[in-house]
Amino acid sequence: MLFDFETLPTADRYKLVVSTIVPRPIAWVVSQDEAGVVNAAPYSFFNAFSDDPVVIGIGCGPKPSGATKDTLANIQAMGEFVVCLVPQSHLPHMNITATDFGPEVDELDEAKLTKVPSTKIRVPRIGESPVALECKTFQLIPVGHHTIVLGRVVAMHVRDDAVMDEAKRYIDTPKLDLVGRMHGRGWYTRTTDRVEVPRITLAEWEAAKKG
């Protein structure tokens, strides 16, 4: 079945994209306004795009009313934010922060989550998250009614029990027990079901062809 994105309305393109580009990691974004009010919200248009510098990207759309979301407004004003990753144990808490509260409401307080001071920026991180990335704004790119927020990661926090070897930077990824976004409005996936497929070298491929 062919879907011509140049002729489809926005809502239909969105439905097709979020139903097929799965699973998507979730950026649980913590930001702060100039008055110090903290905001937290999840975004699944998210991933890492560079390692030198480390740059992550978030696609931030408008509110249903068309107004700018608090996350983007705060990032525009302050130039910094924290991306926390979501463990399965706190998926319900993340869901609370997705509620369309007013800008004066602190979602972390509503979800009874712990604020922990960051090391290099003013915005706090979520204590219950096993991974937190402190970010400074790298670039804001308007794309239609979205803004792609590119953040340069200046520090990373990983829960101690998930660090296998600090010197070698080995992380026990399964122990993080992260979740990803799936299709529809309420479907998520666990990262506990894994398949290992070792990478094939060119020499191994050539040897296999000869054999």
N, C-alpha and C. Protein backbone atom coordinates (compact mmCIF):
# COMPACT_ATOMS: atom_id res chain seq x y z
N MET A 1 0.85 -1.19 0.00
CA MET A 1 0.00 0.00 0.00
C MET A 1 0.89 1.24 0.00
N LEU A 2 0.69 2.10 -0.97
CA LEU A 2 1.46 3.34 -1.07
C LEU A 2 0.70 4.48 -0.40
N PHE A 3 1.40 5.25 0.44
CA PHE A 3 0.84 6.46 1.04
C PHE A 3 1.67 7.64 0.57
N ASP A 4 1.07 8.51 -0.19
CA ASP A 4 1.76 9.66 -0.76
C ASP A 4 1.74 10.81 0.25
N PHE A 5 2.86 11.03 0.92
CA PHE A 5 2.92 12.05 1.97
C PHE A 5 2.77 13.47 1.41
N GLU A 6 2.95 13.63 0.12
CA GLU A 6 2.80 14.97 -0.45
C GLU A 6 1.33 15.34 -0.66
N THR A 7 0.44 14.37 -0.49
CA THR A 7 -0.99 14.64 -0.67
C THR A 7 -1.80 14.40 0.61
N LEU A 8 -1.21 13.71 1.59
CA LEU A 8 -1.95 13.38 2.81
C LEU A 8 -1.99 14.56 3.78
N PRO A 9 -3.07 14.70 4.54
CA PRO A 9 -3.13 15.72 5.59
C PRO A 9 -2.17 15.39 6.73
N THR A 10 -1.84 16.39 7.53
CA THR A 10 -0.87 16.25 8.61
C THR A 10 -1.23 15.13 9.57
N ALA A 11 -2.48 15.06 9.98
CA ALA A 11 -2.90 14.06 10.96
C ALA A 11 -2.67 12.64 10.45
N ASP A 12 -2.91 12.42 9.17
CA ASP A 12 -2.72 11.09 8.60
C ASP A 12 -1.23 10.73 8.51
N ARG A 13 -0.40 11.69 8.15
CA ARG A 13 1.04 11.43 8.11
C ARG A 13 1.55 11.09 9.50
N TYR A 14 1.07 11.82 10.49
CA TYR A 14 1.48 11.57 11.88
C TYR A 14 1.11 10.15 12.30
N LYS A 15 -0.14 9.74 12.01
CA LYS A 15 -0.60 8.40 12.39
C LYS A 15 0.27 7.32 11.77
N LEU A 16 0.63 7.49 10.52
CA LEU A 16 1.44 6.49 9.83
C LEU A 16 2.86 6.43 10.41
N VAL A 17 3.43 7.59 10.69
CA VAL A 17 4.80 7.64 11.21
C VAL A 17 4.89 7.00 12.59
N VAL A 18 3.98 7.38 13.51
CA VAL A 18 4.09 6.86 14.87
C VAL A 18 3.65 5.41 14.98
N SER A 19 2.96 4.89 13.97
CA SER A 19 2.55 3.49 13.98
C SER A 19 3.62 2.57 13.41
N THR A 20 4.61 3.14 12.73
CA THR A 20 5.60 2.30 12.04
C THR A 20 7.03 2.53 12.50
N ILE A 21 7.38 3.75 12.89
CA ILE A 21 8.74 4.00 13.36
C ILE A 21 8.76 3.73 14.86
N VAL A 22 8.95 2.44 15.18
CA VAL A 22 8.87 1.96 16.56
C VAL A 22 9.93 0.90 16.79
N PRO A 23 10.33 0.67 18.04
CA PRO A 23 10.03 1.52 19.19
C PRO A 23 10.88 2.77 19.17
N ARG A 24 10.41 3.82 19.85
CA ARG A 24 11.15 5.07 19.92
C ARG A 24 11.55 5.33 21.37
N PRO A 25 12.81 5.70 21.60
CA PRO A 25 13.18 6.06 22.98
C PRO A 25 12.41 7.31 23.41
N ILE A 26 12.27 7.47 24.70
CA ILE A 26 11.48 8.59 25.23
C ILE A 26 12.39 9.57 25.94
N ALA A 27 12.33 10.82 25.52
CA ALA A 27 13.04 11.88 26.23
C ALA A 27 12.08 12.47 27.26
N TRP A 28 12.38 12.24 28.52
CA TRP A 28 11.59 12.82 29.61
C TRP A 28 12.27 14.15 29.93
N VAL A 29 11.79 15.22 29.31
CA VAL A 29 12.51 16.49 29.32
C VAL A 29 12.14 17.35 30.52
N VAL A 30 13.15 17.73 31.27
CA VAL A 30 12.97 18.65 32.39
C VAL A 30 13.52 20.00 31.97
N SER A 31 12.70 21.04 32.13
CA SER A 31 13.13 22.40 31.79
C SER A 31 12.68 23.33 32.91
N GLN A 32 13.05 24.58 32.79
CA GLN A 32 12.77 25.53 33.86
C GLN A 32 12.60 26.91 33.27
N ASP A 33 11.61 27.67 33.76
CA ASP A 33 11.43 29.02 33.23
C ASP A 33 12.27 30.03 34.02
N GLU A 34 12.19 31.28 33.61
CA GLU A 34 13.04 32.31 34.21
C GLU A 34 12.70 32.56 35.68
N ALA A 35 11.47 32.22 36.07
CA ALA A 35 11.06 32.39 37.47
C ALA A 35 11.45 31.20 38.33
N GLY A 36 11.99 30.15 37.70
CA GLY A 36 12.41 28.98 38.45
C GLY A 36 11.40 27.86 38.52
N VAL A 37 10.24 28.02 37.83
CA VAL A 37 9.22 26.96 37.82
C VAL A 37 9.70 25.83 36.91
N VAL A 38 9.69 24.61 37.44
CA VAL A 38 10.17 23.44 36.71
C VAL A 38 9.05 22.81 35.90
N ASN A 39 9.38 22.35 34.71
CA ASN A 39 8.43 21.64 33.85
C ASN A 39 9.03 20.30 33.46
N ALA A 40 8.20 19.29 33.33
CA ALA A 40 8.65 17.98 32.85
C ALA A 40 7.61 17.43 31.89
N ALA A 41 8.07 16.88 30.77
CA ALA A 41 7.16 16.32 29.77
C ALA A 41 7.90 15.29 28.92
N PRO A 42 7.20 14.22 28.50
CA PRO A 42 7.84 13.20 27.66
C PRO A 42 7.70 13.50 26.17
N TYR A 43 8.75 13.15 25.42
CA TYR A 43 8.76 13.32 23.96
C TYR A 43 9.34 12.06 23.34
N SER A 44 8.63 11.48 22.38
CA SER A 44 9.16 10.28 21.72
C SER A 44 9.71 10.56 20.33
N PHE A 45 9.60 11.80 19.85
CA PHE A 45 10.36 12.19 18.66
C PHE A 45 11.74 12.58 19.18
N PHE A 46 12.59 11.57 19.39
CA PHE A 46 13.84 11.80 20.12
C PHE A 46 14.87 10.74 19.76
N ASN A 47 16.15 11.19 19.69
CA ASN A 47 17.25 10.25 19.57
C ASN A 47 18.58 10.99 19.66
N ALA A 48 19.68 10.21 19.60
CA ALA A 48 21.03 10.77 19.60
C ALA A 48 21.53 10.84 18.16
N PHE A 49 22.25 11.91 17.83
CA PHE A 49 22.65 12.13 16.45
C PHE A 49 24.14 12.35 16.23
N SER A 50 24.90 12.52 17.28
CA SER A 50 26.32 12.82 17.11
C SER A 50 27.07 12.42 18.37
N ASP A 51 28.38 12.09 18.21
CA ASP A 51 29.17 11.73 19.38
C ASP A 51 30.31 12.71 19.68
N ASP A 52 30.58 13.67 18.80
CA ASP A 52 31.67 14.62 19.05
C ASP A 52 31.36 15.96 18.39
N PRO A 53 30.60 16.81 19.07
CA PRO A 53 30.06 16.65 20.42
C PRO A 53 28.87 15.70 20.42
N VAL A 54 28.52 15.24 21.62
CA VAL A 54 27.31 14.43 21.74
C VAL A 54 26.11 15.37 21.63
N VAL A 55 25.29 15.14 20.61
CA VAL A 55 24.11 15.98 20.37
C VAL A 55 22.89 15.08 20.30
N ILE A 56 21.87 15.41 21.08
CA ILE A 56 20.60 14.69 21.02
C ILE A 56 19.55 15.64 20.43
N GLY A 57 18.52 15.05 19.83
CA GLY A 57 17.48 15.85 19.20
C GLY A 57 16.10 15.47 19.68
N ILE A 58 15.26 16.49 19.85
CA ILE A 58 13.86 16.31 20.27
C ILE A 58 12.97 17.09 19.31
N GLY A 59 11.93 16.45 18.81
CA GLY A 59 10.94 17.13 17.99
C GLY A 59 9.82 17.64 18.86
N CYS A 60 9.71 18.96 19.00
CA CYS A 60 8.73 19.55 19.91
C CYS A 60 7.63 20.26 19.12
N GLY A 61 6.45 19.68 19.15
CA GLY A 61 5.31 20.27 18.46
C GLY A 61 4.55 21.23 19.36
N PRO A 62 3.50 21.87 18.82
CA PRO A 62 2.71 22.81 19.61
C PRO A 62 1.67 22.10 20.47
N LYS A 63 1.06 22.84 21.38
CA LYS A 63 -0.08 22.34 22.13
C LYS A 63 -1.26 22.19 21.16
N PRO A 64 -2.31 21.43 21.54
CA PRO A 64 -3.49 21.30 20.68
C PRO A 64 -4.07 22.65 20.27
N SER A 65 -3.91 23.65 21.12
CA SER A 65 -4.43 24.99 20.82
C SER A 65 -3.58 25.73 19.79
N GLY A 66 -2.39 25.18 19.53
CA GLY A 66 -1.46 25.84 18.63
C GLY A 66 -0.40 26.66 19.36
N ALA A 67 -0.56 26.85 20.67
CA ALA A 67 0.40 27.61 21.46
C ALA A 67 1.70 26.82 21.64
N THR A 68 2.77 27.51 21.93
CA THR A 68 4.06 26.88 22.17
C THR A 68 4.02 26.08 23.47
N LYS A 69 4.56 24.86 23.44
CA LYS A 69 4.60 24.05 24.66
C LYS A 69 5.58 24.66 25.66
N ASP A 70 5.31 24.41 26.94
CA ASP A 70 6.15 24.97 28.00
C ASP A 70 7.61 24.54 27.84
N THR A 71 7.83 23.30 27.45
CA THR A 71 9.20 22.80 27.27
C THR A 71 9.98 23.69 26.32
N LEU A 72 9.41 23.93 25.15
CA LEU A 72 10.11 24.73 24.15
C LEU A 72 10.28 26.17 24.62
N ALA A 73 9.24 26.74 25.22
CA ALA A 73 9.33 28.11 25.71
C ALA A 73 10.45 28.24 26.74
N ASN A 74 10.56 27.26 27.63
CA ASN A 74 11.61 27.30 28.65
C ASN A 74 13.00 27.15 28.03
N ILE A 75 13.13 26.26 27.06
CA ILE A 75 14.43 26.06 26.41
C ILE A 75 14.83 27.32 25.65
N GLN A 76 13.87 27.94 24.99
CA GLN A 76 14.17 29.19 24.28
C GLN A 76 14.63 30.27 25.25
N ALA A 77 14.04 30.30 26.43
CA ALA A 77 14.36 31.35 27.41
C ALA A 77 15.66 31.07 28.16
N MET A 78 15.91 29.81 28.49
CA MET A 78 17.02 29.48 29.39
C MET A 78 18.22 28.82 28.70
N GLY A 79 17.98 28.19 27.55
CA GLY A 79 19.09 27.59 26.81
C GLY A 79 19.66 26.32 27.40
N GLU A 80 18.90 25.65 28.26
CA GLU A 80 19.38 24.41 28.86
C GLU A 80 18.21 23.54 29.31
N PHE A 81 18.46 22.25 29.42
CA PHE A 81 17.42 21.30 29.82
C PHE A 81 18.08 19.97 30.16
N VAL A 82 17.30 19.07 30.77
CA VAL A 82 17.79 17.73 31.09
C VAL A 82 16.88 16.71 30.40
N VAL A 83 17.51 15.73 29.76
CA VAL A 83 16.76 14.60 29.21
C VAL A 83 16.97 13.41 30.14
N CYS A 84 15.88 12.93 30.73
CA CYS A 84 15.92 11.73 31.57
C CYS A 84 15.29 10.59 30.79
N LEU A 85 15.79 9.38 31.00
CA LEU A 85 15.22 8.21 30.35
C LEU A 85 14.26 7.53 31.32
N VAL A 86 13.28 6.82 30.75
CA VAL A 86 12.14 6.35 31.53
C VAL A 86 12.26 4.86 31.87
N PRO A 87 12.36 4.51 33.16
CA PRO A 87 12.36 3.10 33.54
C PRO A 87 10.92 2.60 33.64
N GLN A 88 10.76 1.30 33.45
CA GLN A 88 9.42 0.72 33.51
C GLN A 88 8.73 1.01 34.84
N SER A 89 9.50 1.04 35.92
CA SER A 89 8.93 1.27 37.25
C SER A 89 8.25 2.62 37.37
N HIS A 90 8.64 3.58 36.52
CA HIS A 90 8.08 4.93 36.65
C HIS A 90 7.33 5.38 35.39
N LEU A 91 6.87 4.39 34.63
CA LEU A 91 6.04 4.72 33.47
C LEU A 91 4.75 5.44 33.88
N PRO A 92 4.08 5.03 34.96
CA PRO A 92 2.88 5.79 35.38
C PRO A 92 3.20 7.24 35.75
N HIS A 93 4.34 7.48 36.35
CA HIS A 93 4.74 8.83 36.72
C HIS A 93 4.99 9.68 35.47
N MET A 94 5.65 9.05 34.48
CA MET A 94 5.86 9.75 33.22
C MET A 94 4.54 10.14 32.58
N ASN A 95 3.57 9.24 32.67
CA ASN A 95 2.27 9.49 32.08
C ASN A 95 1.58 10.69 32.73
N ILE A 96 1.78 10.86 34.03
CA ILE A 96 1.22 12.02 34.72
C ILE A 96 1.83 13.30 34.16
N THR A 97 3.13 13.29 33.91
CA THR A 97 3.79 14.51 33.41
C THR A 97 3.39 14.85 31.97
N ALA A 98 2.74 13.90 31.30
CA ALA A 98 2.26 14.18 29.94
C ALA A 98 0.95 14.97 29.95
N THR A 99 0.35 15.13 31.12
CA THR A 99 -0.90 15.89 31.25
C THR A 99 -0.68 17.34 30.88
N ASP A 100 -1.66 17.95 30.24
CA ASP A 100 -1.53 19.33 29.76
C ASP A 100 -1.79 20.33 30.89
N PHE A 101 -0.87 20.36 31.87
CA PHE A 101 -0.98 21.33 32.95
C PHE A 101 -0.61 22.73 32.45
N GLY A 102 -1.00 23.73 33.20
CA GLY A 102 -0.61 25.10 32.89
C GLY A 102 0.86 25.33 33.19
N PRO A 103 1.45 26.42 32.65
CA PRO A 103 2.88 26.68 32.85
C PRO A 103 3.28 26.93 34.30
N GLU A 104 2.31 27.26 35.14
CA GLU A 104 2.61 27.53 36.55
C GLU A 104 2.70 26.26 37.39
N VAL A 105 2.36 25.11 36.79
CA VAL A 105 2.33 23.84 37.52
C VAL A 105 3.65 23.10 37.34
N ASP A 106 4.20 22.61 38.43
CA ASP A 106 5.41 21.80 38.43
C ASP A 106 5.01 20.33 38.32
N GLU A 107 5.22 19.75 37.15
CA GLU A 107 4.79 18.36 36.91
C GLU A 107 5.50 17.37 37.81
N LEU A 108 6.74 17.66 38.19
CA LEU A 108 7.46 16.73 39.08
C LEU A 108 6.81 16.67 40.45
N ASP A 109 6.30 17.80 40.91
CA ASP A 109 5.57 17.79 42.18
C ASP A 109 4.27 17.01 42.03
N GLU A 110 3.56 17.21 40.93
CA GLU A 110 2.29 16.51 40.70
C GLU A 110 2.51 14.99 40.67
N ALA A 111 3.61 14.56 40.05
CA ALA A 111 3.89 13.12 39.93
C ALA A 111 4.68 12.57 41.11
N LYS A 112 4.95 13.44 42.09
CA LYS A 112 5.69 13.03 43.30
C LYS A 112 7.05 12.43 42.95
N LEU A 113 7.77 13.15 42.10
CA LEU A 113 9.11 12.75 41.70
C LEU A 113 10.14 13.65 42.37
N THR A 114 11.35 13.12 42.49
CA THR A 114 12.40 13.81 43.23
C THR A 114 13.25 14.69 42.31
N LYS A 115 13.41 15.95 42.70
CA LYS A 115 14.32 16.83 41.98
C LYS A 115 15.72 16.70 42.57
N VAL A 116 16.69 16.47 41.69
CA VAL A 116 18.09 16.37 42.11
C VAL A 116 18.87 17.44 41.35
N PRO A 117 19.70 18.23 42.04
CA PRO A 117 20.45 19.27 41.34
C PRO A 117 21.36 18.70 40.26
N SER A 118 21.41 19.38 39.13
CA SER A 118 22.35 19.01 38.08
C SER A 118 23.73 19.56 38.44
N THR A 119 24.75 19.15 37.68
CA THR A 119 26.12 19.56 38.00
C THR A 119 26.59 20.75 37.18
N LYS A 120 26.07 20.89 35.94
CA LYS A 120 26.60 21.92 35.05
C LYS A 120 25.54 22.91 34.57
N ILE A 121 24.28 22.65 34.87
CA ILE A 121 23.22 23.56 34.47
C ILE A 121 22.28 23.78 35.65
N ARG A 122 21.39 24.78 35.49
CA ARG A 122 20.50 25.15 36.59
C ARG A 122 19.29 24.23 36.71
N VAL A 123 18.92 23.55 35.64
CA VAL A 123 17.72 22.71 35.63
C VAL A 123 17.98 21.41 36.39
N PRO A 124 17.08 21.00 37.28
CA PRO A 124 17.29 19.74 38.01
C PRO A 124 16.97 18.53 37.14
N ARG A 125 17.45 17.38 37.60
CA ARG A 125 17.13 16.12 36.93
C ARG A 125 16.15 15.35 37.81
N ILE A 126 15.62 14.24 37.26
CA ILE A 126 14.67 13.40 37.98
C ILE A 126 15.44 12.30 38.69
N GLY A 127 15.36 12.28 40.02
CA GLY A 127 16.12 11.32 40.80
C GLY A 127 15.76 9.87 40.51
N GLU A 128 14.53 9.61 40.14
CA GLU A 128 14.08 8.23 39.88
C GLU A 128 14.49 7.71 38.51
N SER A 129 15.00 8.57 37.66
CA SER A 129 15.44 8.13 36.33
C SER A 129 16.85 7.54 36.41
N PRO A 130 17.09 6.39 35.78
CA PRO A 130 18.42 5.77 35.86
C PRO A 130 19.47 6.44 34.98
N VAL A 131 19.02 7.27 34.04
CA VAL A 131 19.95 7.98 33.15
C VAL A 131 19.44 9.40 32.95
N ALA A 132 20.33 10.36 33.13
CA ALA A 132 19.96 11.76 32.90
C ALA A 132 21.07 12.45 32.12
N LEU A 133 20.69 13.21 31.11
CA LEU A 133 21.64 13.92 30.25
C LEU A 133 21.45 15.42 30.45
N GLU A 134 22.44 16.08 31.00
CA GLU A 134 22.39 17.53 31.13
C GLU A 134 22.76 18.14 29.78
N CYS A 135 21.90 19.02 29.28
CA CYS A 135 22.08 19.56 27.93
C CYS A 135 22.06 21.08 27.89
N LYS A 136 22.87 21.63 27.01
CA LYS A 136 22.80 23.04 26.66
C LYS A 136 22.35 23.13 25.21
N THR A 137 21.55 24.12 24.89
CA THR A 137 21.00 24.22 23.54
C THR A 137 22.11 24.35 22.51
N PHE A 138 22.08 23.49 21.52
CA PHE A 138 23.03 23.52 20.41
C PHE A 138 22.44 24.27 19.22
N GLN A 139 21.17 23.96 18.91
CA GLN A 139 20.50 24.62 17.79
C GLN A 139 19.00 24.37 17.88
N LEU A 140 18.21 25.34 17.46
CA LEU A 140 16.76 25.19 17.34
C LEU A 140 16.41 25.33 15.88
N ILE A 141 15.76 24.30 15.33
CA ILE A 141 15.47 24.28 13.89
C ILE A 141 13.96 24.21 13.68
N PRO A 142 13.34 25.27 13.15
CA PRO A 142 11.91 25.20 12.87
C PRO A 142 11.64 24.30 11.66
N VAL A 143 10.73 23.35 11.84
CA VAL A 143 10.33 22.44 10.76
C VAL A 143 8.81 22.36 10.77
N GLY A 144 8.14 23.09 9.89
CA GLY A 144 6.68 23.12 9.91
C GLY A 144 6.22 23.68 11.24
N HIS A 145 5.26 22.97 11.89
CA HIS A 145 4.80 23.45 13.19
C HIS A 145 5.61 22.85 14.35
N HIS A 146 6.62 22.05 14.01
CA HIS A 146 7.53 21.52 15.02
C HIS A 146 8.79 22.39 15.12
N THR A 147 9.47 22.25 16.24
CA THR A 147 10.83 22.78 16.38
C THR A 147 11.72 21.63 16.81
N ILE A 148 12.77 21.38 16.02
CA ILE A 148 13.73 20.35 16.41
C ILE A 148 14.73 20.99 17.35
N VAL A 149 14.74 20.52 18.58
CA VAL A 149 15.65 21.03 19.60
C VAL A 149 16.88 20.13 19.62
N LEU A 150 18.03 20.69 19.28
CA LEU A 150 19.28 19.95 19.37
C LEU A 150 20.01 20.40 20.63
N GLY A 151 20.34 19.44 21.48
CA GLY A 151 21.02 19.75 22.73
C GLY A 151 22.39 19.11 22.79
N ARG A 152 23.38 19.88 23.21
CA ARG A 152 24.73 19.35 23.42
C ARG A 152 24.82 18.81 24.85
N VAL A 153 25.14 17.53 24.95
CA VAL A 153 25.20 16.89 26.27
C VAL A 153 26.52 17.27 26.95
N VAL A 154 26.40 17.88 28.12
CA VAL A 154 27.59 18.32 28.86
C VAL A 154 27.88 17.44 30.07
N ALA A 155 26.94 16.61 30.46
CA ALA A 155 27.15 15.67 31.57
C ALA A 155 26.09 14.58 31.52
N MET A 156 26.48 13.39 31.97
CA MET A 156 25.55 12.26 32.04
C MET A 156 25.60 11.64 33.42
N HIS A 157 24.42 11.33 33.96
CA HIS A 157 24.32 10.62 35.23
C HIS A 157 23.74 9.23 34.95
N VAL A 158 24.40 8.20 35.46
CA VAL A 158 23.89 6.82 35.34
C VAL A 158 23.82 6.23 36.75
N ARG A 159 22.71 5.59 37.06
CA ARG A 159 22.54 5.00 38.39
C ARG A 159 23.69 4.06 38.71
N ASP A 160 24.23 4.16 39.91
CA ASP A 160 25.45 3.44 40.28
C ASP A 160 25.38 1.95 40.01
N ASP A 161 24.26 1.31 40.34
CA ASP A 161 24.19 -0.14 40.21
C ASP A 161 24.13 -0.61 38.76
N ALA A 162 23.98 0.32 37.82
CA ALA A 162 23.96 -0.04 36.40
C ALA A 162 25.31 0.22 35.72
N VAL A 163 26.29 0.68 36.50
CA VAL A 163 27.64 0.90 35.96
C VAL A 163 28.49 -0.34 36.28
N MET A 164 28.82 -1.11 35.25
CA MET A 164 29.56 -2.35 35.45
C MET A 164 31.05 -2.09 35.67
N ASP A 165 31.59 -1.14 34.92
CA ASP A 165 33.01 -0.81 35.04
C ASP A 165 33.16 0.67 34.71
N GLU A 166 33.38 1.49 35.75
CA GLU A 166 33.44 2.94 35.55
C GLU A 166 34.61 3.33 34.65
N ALA A 167 35.77 2.71 34.83
CA ALA A 167 36.96 3.07 34.07
C ALA A 167 36.79 2.77 32.58
N LYS A 168 36.13 1.65 32.27
CA LYS A 168 35.93 1.27 30.87
C LYS A 168 34.62 1.79 30.30
N ARG A 169 33.83 2.49 31.14
CA ARG A 169 32.54 3.04 30.72
C ARG A 169 31.56 1.95 30.29
N TYR A 170 31.62 0.81 30.96
CA TYR A 170 30.70 -0.28 30.65
C TYR A 170 29.41 -0.09 31.46
N ILE A 171 28.29 -0.07 30.76
CA ILE A 171 26.99 0.09 31.39
C ILE A 171 26.19 -1.19 31.26
N ASP A 172 25.53 -1.60 32.32
CA ASP A 172 24.64 -2.76 32.29
C ASP A 172 23.29 -2.28 31.76
N THR A 173 23.19 -2.20 30.45
CA THR A 173 22.00 -1.62 29.82
C THR A 173 20.70 -2.31 30.22
N PRO A 174 20.63 -3.66 30.25
CA PRO A 174 19.37 -4.29 30.67
C PRO A 174 18.92 -3.87 32.06
N LYS A 175 19.88 -3.58 32.95
CA LYS A 175 19.53 -3.21 34.32
C LYS A 175 18.82 -1.87 34.38
N LEU A 176 18.98 -1.04 33.36
CA LEU A 176 18.29 0.25 33.34
C LEU A 176 16.78 0.06 33.22
N ASP A 177 16.37 -1.05 32.59
CA ASP A 177 14.94 -1.42 32.46
C ASP A 177 14.13 -0.28 31.83
N LEU A 178 14.63 0.25 30.73
CA LEU A 178 13.98 1.38 30.08
C LEU A 178 12.79 0.92 29.24
N VAL A 179 11.92 1.87 28.95
CA VAL A 179 10.78 1.60 28.08
C VAL A 179 10.87 2.48 26.84
N GLY A 180 10.17 2.05 25.78
CA GLY A 180 10.11 2.81 24.54
C GLY A 180 8.67 3.04 24.13
N ARG A 181 8.50 3.96 23.22
CA ARG A 181 7.16 4.32 22.75
C ARG A 181 6.79 3.45 21.56
N MET A 182 5.55 2.98 21.56
CA MET A 182 5.04 2.21 20.43
C MET A 182 3.96 3.01 19.71
N HIS A 183 2.96 2.33 19.19
CA HIS A 183 1.95 2.96 18.36
C HIS A 183 0.79 3.50 19.20
N GLY A 184 -0.09 4.23 18.55
CA GLY A 184 -1.32 4.70 19.20
C GLY A 184 -1.04 5.70 20.31
N ARG A 185 -2.04 5.91 21.14
CA ARG A 185 -1.93 6.92 22.20
C ARG A 185 -1.40 6.38 23.52
N GLY A 186 -1.42 5.05 23.69
CA GLY A 186 -1.03 4.55 25.01
C GLY A 186 -0.18 3.31 25.02
N TRP A 187 0.45 2.96 23.91
CA TRP A 187 1.22 1.72 23.86
C TRP A 187 2.71 1.98 24.02
N TYR A 188 3.34 1.17 24.88
CA TYR A 188 4.77 1.26 25.15
C TYR A 188 5.37 -0.14 25.05
N THR A 189 6.67 -0.23 25.06
CA THR A 189 7.33 -1.53 25.02
C THR A 189 8.47 -1.58 26.03
N ARG A 190 8.73 -2.76 26.56
CA ARG A 190 9.85 -2.98 27.47
C ARG A 190 11.10 -3.29 26.65
N THR A 191 12.25 -3.11 27.27
CA THR A 191 13.51 -3.46 26.60
C THR A 191 14.09 -4.76 27.15
N THR A 192 13.24 -5.59 27.74
CA THR A 192 13.71 -6.84 28.34
C THR A 192 13.77 -7.99 27.33
N ASP A 193 13.13 -7.86 26.19
CA ASP A 193 13.15 -8.91 25.16
C ASP A 193 14.16 -8.50 24.10
N ARG A 194 15.35 -9.17 24.13
CA ARG A 194 16.44 -8.75 23.25
C ARG A 194 16.91 -9.91 22.39
N VAL A 195 17.47 -9.57 21.24
CA VAL A 195 18.08 -10.54 20.33
C VAL A 195 19.48 -10.05 20.00
N GLU A 196 20.49 -10.88 20.22
CA GLU A 196 21.87 -10.48 19.90
C GLU A 196 22.24 -10.95 18.51
N VAL A 197 22.71 -10.02 17.67
CA VAL A 197 23.17 -10.32 16.31
C VAL A 197 24.55 -9.70 16.15
N PRO A 198 25.62 -10.49 16.33
CA PRO A 198 26.97 -9.93 16.23
C PRO A 198 27.23 -9.32 14.85
N ARG A 199 27.95 -8.19 14.82
CA ARG A 199 28.29 -7.53 13.57
C ARG A 199 29.27 -8.40 12.77
N ILE A 200 29.08 -8.47 11.45
CA ILE A 200 29.92 -9.28 10.57
C ILE A 200 31.03 -8.40 9.98
N THR A 201 32.29 -8.84 10.08
CA THR A 201 33.39 -8.11 9.46
C THR A 201 33.44 -8.44 7.97
N LEU A 202 34.11 -7.60 7.21
CA LEU A 202 34.25 -7.86 5.79
C LEU A 202 35.00 -9.17 5.54
N ALA A 203 36.03 -9.43 6.36
CA ALA A 203 36.80 -10.67 6.21
C ALA A 203 35.92 -11.89 6.45
N GLU A 204 35.06 -11.83 7.45
CA GLU A 204 34.16 -12.94 7.74
C GLU A 204 33.16 -13.14 6.60
N TRP A 205 32.69 -12.05 6.03
CA TRP A 205 31.74 -12.14 4.92
C TRP A 205 32.39 -12.78 3.69
N GLU A 206 33.60 -12.33 3.39
CA GLU A 206 34.30 -12.87 2.22
C GLU A 206 34.61 -14.36 2.43
N ALA A 207 35.00 -14.74 3.67
CA ALA A 207 35.30 -16.14 3.95
C ALA A 207 34.05 -16.99 3.82
N ALA A 208 32.91 -16.48 4.28
CA ALA A 208 31.65 -17.22 4.20
C ALA A 208 31.24 -17.43 2.74
N LYS A 209 31.48 -16.44 1.90
CA LYS A 209 31.12 -16.57 0.47
C LYS A 209 31.97 -17.63 -0.20
N LYS A 210 33.23 -17.70 0.20
CA LYS A 210 34.14 -18.68 -0.42
C LYS A 210 33.80 -20.09 0.07
N GLY A 211 33.30 -20.18 1.33
CA GLY A 211 33.01 -21.49 1.91
C GLY A 211 31.74 -22.07 1.35
